[in-house]
PDB file of N, CA and C in Angstrom:
ATOM      1  N   UNK A   1     123.194  91.030 106.244  1.00  0.00           N
ATOM      2  CA  UNK A   1     122.368  90.474 104.547  1.00  0.00           C
ATOM      3  C   UNK A   1     121.779  89.740 104.163  1.00  0.00           C
ATOM      4  N   UNK A   2     121.115  88.542 103.929  1.00  0.00           N
ATOM      5  CA  UNK A   2     120.914  87.864 103.187  1.00  0.00           C
ATOM      6  C   UNK A   2     120.021  87.456 102.028  1.00  0.00           C
ATOM      7  N   UNK A   3     120.098  88.897 101.075  1.00  0.00           N
ATOM      8  CA  UNK A   3     119.421  89.211 100.155  1.00  0.00           C
ATOM      9  C   UNK A   3     120.321  90.129  99.739  1.00  0.00           C
ATOM     10  N   UNK A   4     120.594  90.819  98.213  1.00  0.00           N
ATOM     11  CA  UNK A   4     120.821  91.862  97.622  1.00  0.00           C
ATOM     12  C   UNK A   4     120.090  92.574  97.512  1.00  0.00           C
ATOM     13  N   UNK A   5     120.170  93.750  97.949  1.00  0.00           N
ATOM     14  CA  UNK A   5     119.673  94.770  97.101  1.00  0.00           C
ATOM     15  C   UNK A   5     119.641  95.347  96.195  1.00  0.00           C
ATOM     16  N   UNK A   6     118.744  95.918  95.319  1.00  0.00           N
ATOM     17  CA  UNK A   6     119.331  96.469  93.940  1.00  0.00           C
ATOM     18  C   UNK A   6     118.726  98.210  94.166  1.00  0.00           C
ATOM     19  N   UNK A   7     119.240  99.053  93.969  1.00  0.00           N
ATOM     20  CA  UNK A   7     119.039 100.419  94.543  1.00  0.00           C
ATOM     21  C   UNK A   7     119.116 100.965  92.649  1.00  0.00           C
ATOM     22  N   UNK A   8     117.955 101.849  92.956  1.00  0.00           N
ATOM     23  CA  UNK A   8     117.552 102.645  91.751  1.00  0.00           C
ATOM     24  C   UNK A   8     116.886 103.657  91.410  1.00  0.00           C
ATOM     25  N   UNK A   9     116.535 104.372  90.747  1.00  0.00           N
ATOM     26  CA  UNK A   9     115.970 106.036  90.485  1.00  0.00           C
ATOM     27  C   UNK A   9     114.757 106.079  89.371  1.00  0.00           C
ATOM     28  N   UNK A  10     114.651 104.706  89.237  1.00  0.00           N
ATOM     29  CA  UNK A  10     113.328 104.573  87.888  1.00  0.00           C
ATOM     30  C   UNK A  10     113.486 105.099  86.468  1.00  0.00           C
ATOM     31  N   UNK A  11     114.431 105.444  86.600  1.00  0.00           N
ATOM     32  CA  UNK A  11     114.734 105.777  85.028  1.00  0.00           C
ATOM     33  C   UNK A  11     114.697 104.945  83.970  1.00  0.00           C
ATOM     34  N   UNK A  12     115.026 105.154  82.696  1.00  0.00           N
ATOM     35  CA  UNK A  12     114.914 103.782  81.444  1.00  0.00           C
ATOM     36  C   UNK A  12     115.765 102.742  82.404  1.00  0.00           C
ATOM     37  N   UNK A  13     117.197 103.465  82.211  1.00  0.00           N
ATOM     38  CA  UNK A  13     118.155 102.660  82.461  1.00  0.00           C
ATOM     39  C   UNK A  13     118.167 101.505  83.415  1.00  0.00           C
ATOM     40  N   UNK A  14     117.108 102.184  84.651  1.00  0.00           N
ATOM     41  CA  UNK A  14     117.715 101.823  85.718  1.00  0.00           C
ATOM     42  C   UNK A  14     116.252 100.318  86.098  1.00  0.00           C
ATOM     43  N   UNK A  15     115.487 100.953  85.201  1.00  0.00           N
ATOM     44  CA  UNK A  15     114.001  99.847  85.114  1.00  0.00           C
ATOM     45  C   UNK A  15     114.461  98.772  84.282  1.00  0.00           C
ATOM     46  N   UNK A  16     115.061  99.442  83.131  1.00  0.00           N
ATOM     47  CA  UNK A  16     115.622  97.640  82.560  1.00  0.00           C
ATOM     48  C   UNK A  16     116.744  97.189  83.222  1.00  0.00           C
ATOM     49  N   UNK A  17     117.835  97.305  84.073  1.00  0.00           N
ATOM     50  CA  UNK A  17     118.563  96.473  84.764  1.00  0.00           C
ATOM     51  C   UNK A  17     117.594  96.089  85.644  1.00  0.00           C
ATOM     52  N   UNK A  18     116.603  96.544  86.842  1.00  0.00           N
ATOM     53  CA  UNK A  18     115.816  95.751  87.597  1.00  0.00           C
ATOM     54  C   UNK A  18     115.300  94.629  87.200  1.00  0.00           C
ATOM     55  N   UNK A  19     115.015  94.056  86.101  1.00  0.00           N
ATOM     56  CA  UNK A  19     114.518  93.448  84.785  1.00  0.00           C
ATOM     57  C   UNK A  19     114.853  92.588  84.851  1.00  0.00           C
ATOM     58  N   UNK A  20     116.368  92.806  84.176  1.00  0.00           N
ATOM     59  CA  UNK A  20     117.716  91.940  84.221  1.00  0.00           C
ATOM     60  C   UNK A  20     117.700  91.040  85.212  1.00  0.00           C
ATOM     61  N   UNK A  21     118.022  92.325  86.493  1.00  0.00           N
ATOM     62  CA  UNK A  21     118.487  91.376  87.965  1.00  0.00           C
ATOM     63  C   UNK A  21     117.718  90.349  88.444  1.00  0.00           C
ATOM     64  N   UNK A  22     116.238  90.997  88.138  1.00  0.00           N
ATOM     65  CA  UNK A  22     115.230  89.897  88.774  1.00  0.00           C
ATOM     66  C   UNK A  22     115.205  88.582  88.260  1.00  0.00           C
ATOM     67  N   UNK A  23     115.580  88.907  86.855  1.00  0.00           N
ATOM     68  CA  UNK A  23     115.807  87.600  85.477  1.00  0.00           C
ATOM     69  C   UNK A  23     116.603  86.602  86.331  1.00  0.00           C
ATOM     70  N   UNK A  24     118.047  87.180  86.310  1.00  0.00           N
ATOM     71  CA  UNK A  24     119.241  86.275  86.735  1.00  0.00           C
ATOM     72  C   UNK A  24     119.039  86.043  88.080  1.00  0.00           C
ATOM     73  N   UNK A  25     118.589  86.730  89.453  1.00  0.00           N
ATOM     74  CA  UNK A  25     118.925  86.193  91.009  1.00  0.00           C
ATOM     75  C   UNK A  25     117.055  85.844  91.280  1.00  0.00           C
ATOM     76  N   UNK A  26     116.485  86.123  90.376  1.00  0.00           N
ATOM     77  CA  UNK A  26     114.851  85.675  90.908  1.00  0.00           C
ATOM     78  C   UNK A  26     114.450  86.881  91.964  1.00  0.00           C
ATOM     79  N   UNK A  27     113.640  87.257  92.131  1.00  0.00           N
ATOM     80  CA  UNK A  27     112.575  88.308  92.594  1.00  0.00           C
ATOM     81  C   UNK A  27     112.615  87.944  94.346  1.00  0.00           C
ATOM     82  N   UNK A  28     113.042  86.568  94.821  1.00  0.00           N
ATOM     83  CA  UNK A  28     113.074  86.698  96.033  1.00  0.00           C
ATOM     84  C   UNK A  28     114.332  86.560  96.601  1.00  0.00           C
ATOM     85  N   UNK A  29     115.047  86.457  95.687  1.00  0.00           N
ATOM     86  CA  UNK A  29     116.628  87.017  96.625  1.00  0.00           C
ATOM     87  C   UNK A  29     117.343  88.599  96.438  1.00  0.00           C
ATOM     88  N   UNK A  30     116.242  89.350  95.927  1.00  0.00           N
ATOM     89  CA  UNK A  30     116.518  90.591  95.896  1.00  0.00           C
ATOM     90  C   UNK A  30     115.598  91.957  96.517  1.00  0.00           C
ATOM     91  N   UNK A  31     116.159  92.741  97.087  1.00  0.00           N
ATOM     92  CA  UNK A  31     115.001  93.439  97.379  1.00  0.00           C
ATOM     93  C   UNK A  31     115.218  95.048  96.650  1.00  0.00           C
ATOM     94  N   UNK A  32     114.331  95.508  96.117  1.00  0.00           N
ATOM     95  CA  UNK A  32     114.436  96.264  94.951  1.00  0.00           C
ATOM     96  C   UNK A  32     113.608  97.574  95.762  1.00  0.00           C
ATOM     97  N   UNK A  33     114.850  99.182  95.558  1.00  0.00           N
ATOM     98  CA  UNK A  33     114.260 100.093  96.493  1.00  0.00           C
ATOM     99  C   UNK A  33     114.611 100.913  95.361  1.00  0.00           C
ATOM    100  N   UNK A  34     113.306 101.877  95.409  1.00  0.00           N
ATOM    101  CA  UNK A  34     113.363 103.027  94.621  1.00  0.00           C
ATOM    102  C   UNK A  34     113.357 104.185  95.320  1.00  0.00           C
ATOM    103  N   UNK A  35     114.967 104.663  95.018  1.00  0.00           N
ATOM    104  CA  UNK A  35     115.092 105.860  96.079  1.00  0.00           C
ATOM    105  C   UNK A  35     114.536 107.464  95.609  1.00  0.00           C
ATOM    106  N   UNK A  36     114.069 107.554  94.702  1.00  0.00           N
ATOM    107  CA  UNK A  36     113.133 108.524  93.807  1.00  0.00           C
ATOM    108  C   UNK A  36     111.780 108.311  95.408  1.00  0.00           C
ATOM    109  N   UNK A  37     111.277 107.206  95.491  1.00  0.00           N
ATOM    110  CA  UNK A  37     110.019 107.350  96.026  1.00  0.00           C
ATOM    111  C   UNK A  37     110.251 106.847  97.068  1.00  0.00           C
ATOM    112  N   UNK A  38     111.696 106.514  97.758  1.00  0.00           N
ATOM    113  CA  UNK A  38     111.651 106.033  99.355  1.00  0.00           C
ATOM    114  C   UNK A  38     113.112 106.614  99.359  1.00  0.00           C
ATOM    115  N   UNK A  39     112.965 108.084  99.690  1.00  0.00           N
ATOM    116  CA  UNK A  39     114.421 108.910 100.268  1.00  0.00           C
ATOM    117  C   UNK A  39     114.807 108.393 101.314  1.00  0.00           C
ATOM    118  N   UNK A  40     114.324 107.741 102.426  1.00  0.00           N
ATOM    119  CA  UNK A  40     114.470 107.393 104.115  1.00  0.00           C
ATOM    120  C   UNK A  40     115.874 106.010 103.512  1.00  0.00           C
ATOM    121  N   UNK A  41     115.823 105.750 102.330  1.00  0.00           N
ATOM    122  CA  UNK A  41     116.697 104.752 102.384  1.00  0.00           C
ATOM    123  C   UNK A  41     118.110 105.080 101.510  1.00  0.00           C
ATOM    124  N   UNK A  42     117.888 106.240 101.384  1.00  0.00           N
ATOM    125  CA  UNK A  42     118.924 107.264 100.319  1.00  0.00           C
ATOM    126  C   UNK A  42     120.268 106.851 101.629  1.00  0.00           C
ATOM    127  N   UNK A  43     120.453 106.896 102.618  1.00  0.00           N
ATOM    128  CA  UNK A  43     121.544 107.270 103.825  1.00  0.00           C
ATOM    129  C   UNK A  43     121.945 105.427 104.061  1.00  0.00           C
ATOM    130  N   UNK A  44     121.082 104.531 103.964  1.00  0.00           N
ATOM    131  CA  UNK A  44     121.367 103.064 103.353  1.00  0.00           C
ATOM    132  C   UNK A  44     122.511 102.876 102.353  1.00  0.00           C
ATOM    133  N   UNK A  45     122.346 103.498 101.337  1.00  0.00           N
ATOM    134  CA  UNK A  45     122.486 103.170 100.213  1.00  0.00           C
ATOM    135  C   UNK A  45     123.846 103.652 100.147  1.00  0.00           C
ATOM    136  N   UNK A  46     123.901 104.891 100.683  1.00  0.00           N
ATOM    137  CA  UNK A  46     125.441 105.521 100.723  1.00  0.00           C
ATOM    138  C   UNK A  46     126.379 104.856 101.752  1.00  0.00           C
ATOM    139  N   UNK A  47     125.612 104.425 102.891  1.00  0.00           N
ATOM    140  CA  UNK A  47     126.772 103.564 103.734  1.00  0.00           C
ATOM    141  C   UNK A  47     127.489 102.478 103.280  1.00  0.00           C
ATOM    142  N   UNK A  48     126.696 102.025 101.932  1.00  0.00           N
ATOM    143  CA  UNK A  48     126.628 100.576 101.681  1.00  0.00           C
ATOM    144  C   UNK A  48     127.421 100.905 100.329  1.00  0.00           C
ATOM    145  N   UNK A  49     127.695 101.846 100.412  1.00  0.00           N
ATOM    146  CA  UNK A  49     128.780 102.048  99.185  1.00  0.00           C
ATOM    147  C   UNK A  49     128.546 102.710  97.549  1.00  0.00           C
ATOM    148  N   UNK A  50     127.064 102.979  97.547  1.00  0.00           N
ATOM    149  CA  UNK A  50     126.658 103.151  96.578  1.00  0.00           C
ATOM    150  C   UNK A  50     126.667 104.472  96.102  1.00  0.00           C
ATOM    151  N   UNK A  51     127.296 104.859  94.603  1.00  0.00           N
ATOM    152  CA  UNK A  51     127.687 105.793  94.316  1.00  0.00           C
ATOM    153  C   UNK A  51     127.002 106.376  93.292  1.00  0.00           C
ATOM    154  N   UNK A  52     126.369 105.725  92.535  1.00  0.00           N
ATOM    155  CA  UNK A  52     125.309 105.940  91.622  1.00  0.00           C
ATOM    156  C   UNK A  52     124.677 104.505  91.571  1.00  0.00           C
ATOM    157  N   UNK A  53     123.208 105.336  90.590  1.00  0.00           N
ATOM    158  CA  UNK A  53     122.064 104.043  90.465  1.00  0.00           C
ATOM    159  C   UNK A  53     122.271 103.756  88.945  1.00  0.00           C
ATOM    160  N   UNK A  54     121.877 102.466  88.531  1.00  0.00           N
ATOM    161  CA  UNK A  54     121.367 101.249  89.339  1.00  0.00           C
ATOM    162  C   UNK A  54     122.781 100.907  89.727  1.00  0.00           C
ATOM    163  N   UNK A  55     122.617 100.133  90.998  1.00  0.00           N
ATOM    164  CA  UNK A  55     123.606  99.625  91.830  1.00  0.00           C
ATOM    165  C   UNK A  55     123.181  98.415  92.606  1.00  0.00           C
ATOM    166  N   UNK A  56     123.874  97.094  92.562  1.00  0.00           N
ATOM    167  CA  UNK A  56     123.284  96.342  93.501  1.00  0.00           C
ATOM    168  C   UNK A  56     124.287  95.770  94.556  1.00  0.00           C
ATOM    169  N   UNK A  57     124.170  96.191  95.752  1.00  0.00           N
ATOM    170  CA  UNK A  57     124.758  95.624  97.086  1.00  0.00           C
ATOM    171  C   UNK A  57     124.051  94.132  97.301  1.00  0.00           C
ATOM    172  N   UNK A  58     125.474  93.233  96.647  1.00  0.00           N
ATOM    173  CA  UNK A  58     125.427  92.080  96.826  1.00  0.00           C
ATOM    174  C   UNK A  58     125.661  91.124  98.401  1.00  0.00           C
ATOM    175  N   UNK A  59     124.817  90.319  98.963  1.00  0.00           N
ATOM    176  CA  UNK A  59     125.042  90.092 100.635  1.00  0.00           C
ATOM    177  C   UNK A  59     126.245  89.822 100.921  1.00  0.00           C
ATOM    178  N   UNK A  60     127.041  89.580 100.251  1.00  0.00           N
ATOM    179  CA  UNK A  60     128.874  90.566 101.144  1.00  0.00           C
ATOM    180  C   UNK A  60     129.427  91.241 101.520  1.00  0.00           C
ATOM    181  N   UNK A  61     127.866  92.354 100.704  1.00  0.00           N
ATOM    182  CA  UNK A  61     128.164  93.607 100.830  1.00  0.00           C
ATOM    183  C   UNK A  61     129.127  94.386  99.671  1.00  0.00           C
ATOM    184  N   UNK A  62     129.555  93.911  98.715  1.00  0.00           N
ATOM    185  CA  UNK A  62     130.286  94.198  97.661  1.00  0.00           C
ATOM    186  C   UNK A  62     129.140  94.850  96.638  1.00  0.00           C
ATOM    187  N   UNK A  63     129.094  96.376  96.229  1.00  0.00           N
ATOM    188  CA  UNK A  63     128.563  97.488  95.470  1.00  0.00           C
ATOM    189  C   UNK A  63     128.775  96.818  93.905  1.00  0.00           C
ATOM    190  N   UNK A  64     127.982  96.612  93.290  1.00  0.00           N
ATOM    191  CA  UNK A  64     128.089  96.357  91.438  1.00  0.00           C
ATOM    192  C   UNK A  64     127.348  97.777  90.726  1.00  0.00           C
ATOM    193  N   UNK A  65     128.007  98.895  90.615  1.00  0.00           N
ATOM    194  CA  UNK A  65     127.394 100.049  89.455  1.00  0.00           C
ATOM    195  C   UNK A  65     126.835  99.461  88.180  1.00  0.00           C
ATOM    196  N   UNK A  66     126.177  99.433  88.091  1.00  0.00           N
ATOM    197  CA  UNK A  66     125.599  99.067  86.696  1.00  0.00           C
ATOM    198  C   UNK A  66     125.192  99.999  85.892  1.00  0.00           C
ATOM    199  N   UNK A  67     126.106 100.195  84.513  1.00  0.00           N
ATOM    200  CA  UNK A  67     125.687 101.345  83.593  1.00  0.00           C
ATOM    201  C   UNK A  67     125.838 102.444  84.398  1.00  0.00           C
ATOM    202  N   UNK A  68     125.143 103.567  83.961  1.00  0.00           N
ATOM    203  CA  UNK A  68     125.236 104.785  84.972  1.00  0.00           C
ATOM    204  C   UNK A  68     123.687 105.453  84.319  1.00  0.00           C
ATOM    205  N   UNK A  69     123.085 105.206  85.706  1.00  0.00           N
ATOM    206  CA  UNK A  69     121.672 106.371  85.228  1.00  0.00           C
ATOM    207  C   UNK A  69     121.885 107.389  85.987  1.00  0.00           C
ATOM    208  N   UNK A  70     122.067 107.923  87.340  1.00  0.00           N
ATOM    209  CA  UNK A  70     122.168 109.131  87.681  1.00  0.00           C
ATOM    210  C   UNK A  70     123.159 108.647  89.140  1.00  0.00           C
ATOM    211  N   UNK A  71     124.068 110.009  89.358  1.00  0.00           N
ATOM    212  CA  UNK A  71     124.961 109.322  91.121  1.00  0.00           C
ATOM    213  C   UNK A  71     124.204 110.166  91.883  1.00  0.00           C
ATOM    214  N   UNK A  72     124.338 109.853  92.922  1.00  0.00           N
ATOM    215  CA  UNK A  72     123.452 109.866  94.215  1.00  0.00           C
ATOM    216  C   UNK A  72     123.307 111.500  94.586  1.00  0.00           C
ATOM    217  N   UNK A  73     124.355 111.971  94.693  1.00  0.00           N
ATOM    218  CA  UNK A  73     124.186 113.295  94.575  1.00  0.00           C
ATOM    219  C   UNK A  73     122.814 114.008  93.898  1.00  0.00           C
ATOM    220  N   UNK A  74     122.576 113.586  92.572  1.00  0.00           N
ATOM    221  CA  UNK A  74     121.780 113.985  91.476  1.00  0.00           C
ATOM    222  C   UNK A  74     120.354 113.630  92.191  1.00  0.00           C
ATOM    223  N   UNK A  75     119.942 112.664  92.972  1.00  0.00           N
ATOM    224  CA  UNK A  75     119.133 112.379  93.693  1.00  0.00           C
ATOM    225  C   UNK A  75     118.502 112.905  94.457  1.00  0.00           C
ATOM    226  N   UNK A  76     119.466 113.681  95.615  1.00  0.00           N
ATOM    227  CA  UNK A  76     119.243 114.454  96.866  1.00  0.00           C
ATOM    228  C   UNK A  76     118.385 115.517  96.371  1.00  0.00           C
TER     229      UNK A  76
END
């Protein structure tokens, strides 16, 4: 993985965090995944270790859970 992946659900907490992440790392360095709109990415997020959104998965595979918007089970 060469980019970070930012997973979110579209709630105000997630959208705010998305803007901050893009500002910090640049839009070319992060893939944005809206899990409510693209449920096919749910299993990728869970395999990466995402337990709640918003969350940033770094290129090293570390999961940074940012604030708390919703648990993965809430999105299913």
